[in-house]
């Protein structure tokens, strides 16, 4: 669970980022590294209260999120 106030974070697709790139505030970057270790994603530190991801990561996350919602048997609006 991300301890940074994740309720205030937006996940935003950023087509101008290179593939496999994520930009997030430092506390979020620390949490990602702590939870996932050294993954094959270029994780950069940003200053906005948002997480920006390349289009390929955004598509992957969207697919994962859809599967999670289907498994849970409900859909958030």
C-alpha atoms as a PDB file:
ATOM      1  CA  UNK A   1       0.000   0.000   0.000  1.00  0.00           C
ATOM      2  CA  UNK A   2       1.408   3.394  -0.904  1.00  0.00           C
ATOM      3  CA  UNK A   3       1.726   5.536   2.219  1.00  0.00           C
ATOM      4  CA  UNK A   4       1.930   8.789   0.244  1.00  0.00           C
ATOM      5  CA  UNK A   5      -1.523  10.369   0.071  1.00  0.00           C
ATOM      6  CA  UNK A   6      -2.442   8.279  -2.962  1.00  0.00           C
ATOM      7  CA  UNK A   7      -5.984   9.658  -2.867  1.00  0.00           C
ATOM      8  CA  UNK A   8      -4.569  12.946  -4.131  1.00  0.00           C
ATOM      9  CA  UNK A   9      -2.541  11.378  -6.938  1.00  0.00           C
ATOM     10  CA  UNK A  10      -3.697  11.131 -10.508  1.00  0.00           C
ATOM     11  CA  UNK A  11      -2.389   8.540 -12.943  1.00  0.00           C
ATOM     12  CA  UNK A  12      -1.834  10.399 -16.205  1.00  0.00           C
ATOM     13  CA  UNK A  13      -0.825   9.106 -19.590  1.00  0.00           C
ATOM     14  CA  UNK A  14       2.030  11.085 -21.078  1.00  0.00           C
ATOM     15  CA  UNK A  15       2.572  10.136 -24.749  1.00  0.00           C
ATOM     16  CA  UNK A  16       5.763  12.202 -24.928  1.00  0.00           C
ATOM     17  CA  UNK A  17       7.523   9.964 -22.372  1.00  0.00           C
ATOM     18  CA  UNK A  18       9.699   7.173 -23.776  1.00  0.00           C
ATOM     19  CA  UNK A  19       8.353   3.624 -23.447  1.00  0.00           C
ATOM     20  CA  UNK A  20       8.554   2.009 -19.994  1.00  0.00           C
ATOM     21  CA  UNK A  21       8.858   5.363 -18.178  1.00  0.00           C
ATOM     22  CA  UNK A  22       7.131   6.550 -15.015  1.00  0.00           C
ATOM     23  CA  UNK A  23       7.492   9.971 -13.349  1.00  0.00           C
ATOM     24  CA  UNK A  24       6.245  10.374  -9.773  1.00  0.00           C
ATOM     25  CA  UNK A  25       6.875  12.349  -6.573  1.00  0.00           C
ATOM     26  CA  UNK A  26       9.849  11.110  -4.522  1.00  0.00           C
ATOM     27  CA  UNK A  27       7.739   9.413  -1.783  1.00  0.00           C
ATOM     28  CA  UNK A  28       5.878   7.434  -4.460  1.00  0.00           C
ATOM     29  CA  UNK A  29       9.132   6.464  -6.188  1.00  0.00           C
ATOM     30  CA  UNK A  30      10.451   5.183  -2.847  1.00  0.00           C
ATOM     31  CA  UNK A  31       7.305   3.119  -2.274  1.00  0.00           C
ATOM     32  CA  UNK A  32       7.438   1.641  -5.766  1.00  0.00           C
ATOM     33  CA  UNK A  33      11.075   0.655  -5.322  1.00  0.00           C
ATOM     34  CA  UNK A  34      10.373  -0.801  -1.864  1.00  0.00           C
ATOM     35  CA  UNK A  35       7.418  -2.857  -3.110  1.00  0.00           C
ATOM     36  CA  UNK A  36       8.696  -3.923  -6.522  1.00  0.00           C
ATOM     37  CA  UNK A  37      12.462  -3.697  -6.241  1.00  0.00           C
ATOM     38  CA  UNK A  38      14.471  -3.069  -9.354  1.00  0.00           C
ATOM     39  CA  UNK A  39      11.940  -3.478 -12.131  1.00  0.00           C
ATOM     40  CA  UNK A  40      12.669  -2.863 -15.810  1.00  0.00           C
ATOM     41  CA  UNK A  41      11.000   0.543 -15.834  1.00  0.00           C
ATOM     42  CA  UNK A  42      12.683   3.945 -15.997  1.00  0.00           C
ATOM     43  CA  UNK A  43      11.361   5.591 -12.824  1.00  0.00           C
ATOM     44  CA  UNK A  44      12.015   9.316 -12.566  1.00  0.00           C
ATOM     45  CA  UNK A  45      11.326  11.785  -9.784  1.00  0.00           C
ATOM     46  CA  UNK A  46       8.776  14.476 -10.561  1.00  0.00           C
ATOM     47  CA  UNK A  47       7.401  17.429  -8.612  1.00  0.00           C
ATOM     48  CA  UNK A  48       3.665  17.255  -9.401  1.00  0.00           C
ATOM     49  CA  UNK A  49       1.072  15.471  -7.267  1.00  0.00           C
ATOM     50  CA  UNK A  50       0.524  13.076 -10.158  1.00  0.00           C
ATOM     51  CA  UNK A  51       2.085   9.964 -11.617  1.00  0.00           C
ATOM     52  CA  UNK A  52       2.874  10.312 -15.311  1.00  0.00           C
ATOM     53  CA  UNK A  53       3.392   7.133 -17.308  1.00  0.00           C
ATOM     54  CA  UNK A  54       4.271   6.382 -20.895  1.00  0.00           C
ATOM     55  CA  UNK A  55       1.463   5.184 -23.155  1.00  0.00           C
ATOM     56  CA  UNK A  56       2.562   1.531 -22.975  1.00  0.00           C
ATOM     57  CA  UNK A  57       2.545   1.529 -19.157  1.00  0.00           C
ATOM     58  CA  UNK A  58      -0.800   3.338 -19.105  1.00  0.00           C
ATOM     59  CA  UNK A  59      -2.316   0.682 -21.378  1.00  0.00           C
ATOM     60  CA  UNK A  60      -0.862  -2.110 -19.226  1.00  0.00           C
ATOM     61  CA  UNK A  61      -2.176  -0.547 -16.029  1.00  0.00           C
ATOM     62  CA  UNK A  62      -5.614  -0.007 -17.586  1.00  0.00           C
ATOM     63  CA  UNK A  63      -5.762  -3.666 -18.630  1.00  0.00           C
ATOM     64  CA  UNK A  64      -4.688  -4.796 -15.143  1.00  0.00           C
ATOM     65  CA  UNK A  65      -7.252  -2.471 -13.512  1.00  0.00           C
ATOM     66  CA  UNK A  66     -10.051  -3.809 -15.753  1.00  0.00           C
ATOM     67  CA  UNK A  67      -9.150  -7.386 -14.809  1.00  0.00           C
ATOM     68  CA  UNK A  68      -9.131  -6.504 -11.112  1.00  0.00           C
ATOM     69  CA  UNK A  69     -12.570  -4.920 -11.354  1.00  0.00           C
ATOM     70  CA  UNK A  70     -13.952  -7.930 -13.236  1.00  0.00           C
ATOM     71  CA  UNK A  71     -12.511 -10.346 -10.658  1.00  0.00           C
ATOM     72  CA  UNK A  72     -13.992  -8.319  -7.801  1.00  0.00           C
ATOM     73  CA  UNK A  73     -17.371  -8.422  -9.495  1.00  0.00           C
ATOM     74  CA  UNK A  74     -17.957  -4.674  -9.551  1.00  0.00           C
ATOM     75  CA  UNK A  75     -17.005  -1.671 -11.566  1.00  0.00           C
ATOM     76  CA  UNK A  76     -16.207   1.763 -10.180  1.00  0.00           C
ATOM     77  CA  UNK A  77     -17.781   4.766 -11.881  1.00  0.00           C
END
